[in-house]
Amino acid sequence: MSGADLADRLGVTQPTVAELERNETRGTIRLDSLERAADALGCDLVYFLVPRTSLDDAVHLQARRQAALHLGRVGHHNALENQIVSPEAAEAHLARFAGQLVDRRGLWSSADR
């Protein structure tokens, strides 16, 4: 469909259609404008987010991040008191603590634990 035809269907000028196309290319088009264009083309606009990973993986990764943050602070205090934990023991503590955090409320909160 030509720009002129789309402009006619949208009830706008051809330069307005060109601007819509530029905005779409730049990723700055407004959703209401895109929805109007879709409607003019006899289409439905479908807008959704696609997870990059499974929900289970995302939850476990976040639990591990939170556990590492907390245990990092504990490790710093242990080092100050000359109570250093081996890397193997630290990993075991991290895995165990992360497992405990998986079902805890506030897992996604950025507040300190």
Protein backbone atom coordinates (compact mmCIF):
# COMPACT_ATOMS: atom_id res chain seq x y z
CA MET A 1 0.00 0.00 0.00
CA SER A 2 1.33 3.43 -0.87
CA GLY A 3 1.89 6.18 1.65
CA ALA A 4 -0.86 8.17 -0.04
CA ASP A 5 -3.32 5.28 0.32
CA LEU A 6 -2.46 4.82 4.00
CA ALA A 7 -2.75 8.57 4.59
CA ASP A 8 -6.21 8.47 3.04
CA ARG A 9 -7.27 5.58 5.26
CA LEU A 10 -5.88 7.32 8.36
CA GLY A 11 -7.38 10.67 7.41
CA VAL A 12 -3.98 12.38 7.56
CA THR A 13 -1.52 13.85 5.08
CA GLN A 14 1.17 11.85 3.33
CA PRO A 15 3.97 13.69 5.26
CA THR A 16 2.25 12.55 8.48
CA VAL A 17 2.45 8.94 7.28
CA ALA A 18 6.14 9.46 6.45
CA GLU A 19 6.67 10.77 10.00
CA LEU A 20 4.87 7.74 11.43
CA GLU A 21 7.15 5.48 9.41
CA ARG A 22 10.27 7.35 10.62
CA ASN A 23 9.07 7.12 14.22
CA GLU A 24 8.45 3.40 13.81
CA THR A 25 11.94 2.92 12.39
CA ARG A 26 13.48 4.90 15.28
CA GLY A 27 11.42 2.97 17.84
CA THR A 28 9.73 6.18 19.00
CA ILE A 29 6.25 5.64 17.59
CA ARG A 30 3.45 6.03 20.11
CA LEU A 31 1.28 3.01 20.72
CA ASP A 32 -1.91 4.92 19.94
CA SER A 33 -0.46 5.94 16.56
CA LEU A 34 0.59 2.38 15.83
CA GLU A 35 -2.85 1.14 16.80
CA ARG A 36 -4.51 3.64 14.44
CA ALA A 37 -2.20 2.55 11.61
CA ALA A 38 -2.94 -1.12 12.33
CA ASP A 39 -6.67 -0.41 12.28
CA ALA A 40 -6.34 1.45 8.98
CA LEU A 41 -4.57 -1.61 7.57
CA GLY A 42 -7.30 -3.94 8.84
CA CYS A 43 -5.00 -5.35 11.51
CA ASP A 44 -5.04 -5.71 15.28
CA LEU A 45 -2.10 -4.39 17.24
CA VAL A 46 -0.71 -7.05 19.54
CA TYR A 47 1.75 -5.72 22.13
CA PHE A 48 3.40 -8.14 24.53
CA LEU A 49 6.61 -8.92 26.36
CA VAL A 50 8.49 -12.13 25.68
CA PRO A 51 10.62 -13.46 28.54
CA ARG A 52 14.23 -14.18 27.68
CA THR A 53 14.23 -17.15 30.02
CA SER A 54 11.75 -19.35 31.86
CA LEU A 55 10.04 -17.97 34.96
CA ASP A 56 11.67 -20.70 37.04
CA ASP A 57 15.14 -19.74 35.79
CA ALA A 58 14.46 -16.04 36.39
CA VAL A 59 13.34 -16.69 39.98
CA HIS A 60 16.37 -18.86 40.75
CA LEU A 61 18.76 -16.34 39.21
CA GLN A 62 17.22 -13.51 41.25
CA ALA A 63 17.42 -15.62 44.42
CA ARG A 64 21.10 -16.27 43.70
CA ARG A 65 21.73 -12.55 43.15
CA GLN A 66 20.06 -11.65 46.43
CA ALA A 67 21.91 -14.40 48.28
CA ALA A 68 25.24 -13.29 46.80
CA LEU A 69 24.55 -9.70 47.83
CA HIS A 70 23.77 -10.73 51.40
CA LEU A 71 26.59 -13.26 51.71
CA GLY A 72 29.04 -10.80 50.17
CA ARG A 73 28.46 -8.48 53.11
CA VAL A 74 28.85 -11.38 55.53
CA GLY A 75 32.05 -12.46 53.76
CA HIS A 76 33.47 -8.97 54.14
CA HIS A 77 32.91 -9.09 57.90
CA ASN A 78 34.39 -12.59 58.09
CA ALA A 79 37.49 -11.42 56.24
CA LEU A 80 37.90 -8.55 58.70
CA GLU A 81 37.84 -11.10 61.52
CA ASN A 82 40.26 -13.38 59.65
CA GLN A 83 37.54 -16.05 59.21
CA ILE A 84 37.86 -16.71 55.51
CA VAL A 85 35.67 -19.44 53.98
CA SER A 86 36.95 -21.67 51.17
CA PRO A 87 35.48 -21.07 47.69
CA GLU A 88 33.78 -24.48 47.84
CA ALA A 89 32.16 -23.74 51.20
CA ALA A 90 31.15 -20.26 50.01
CA GLU A 91 29.47 -21.76 46.93
CA ALA A 92 27.62 -24.29 49.09
CA HIS A 93 26.40 -21.50 51.40
CA LEU A 94 25.34 -19.43 48.40
CA ALA A 95 23.38 -22.30 46.83
CA ARG A 96 21.68 -23.19 50.13
CA PHE A 97 20.75 -19.59 50.93
CA ALA A 98 19.51 -18.94 47.38
CA GLY A 99 17.30 -22.03 47.70
CA GLN A 100 15.76 -20.57 50.84
CA LEU A 101 15.05 -17.26 49.12
CA VAL A 102 13.19 -18.75 46.13
CA ASP A 103 9.80 -18.79 47.87
CA ARG A 104 10.34 -15.69 50.00
CA ARG A 105 8.25 -12.57 49.58
CA GLY A 106 10.16 -9.54 48.43
CA LEU A 107 12.58 -11.50 46.25
CA TRP A 108 12.36 -8.83 43.55
CA SER A 109 12.64 -5.92 45.95
CA SER A 110 15.80 -3.87 45.71
CA ALA A 111 15.71 -3.18 49.45
CA ASP A 112 18.51 -4.62 51.54
CA ARG A 113 17.81 -7.93 53.18
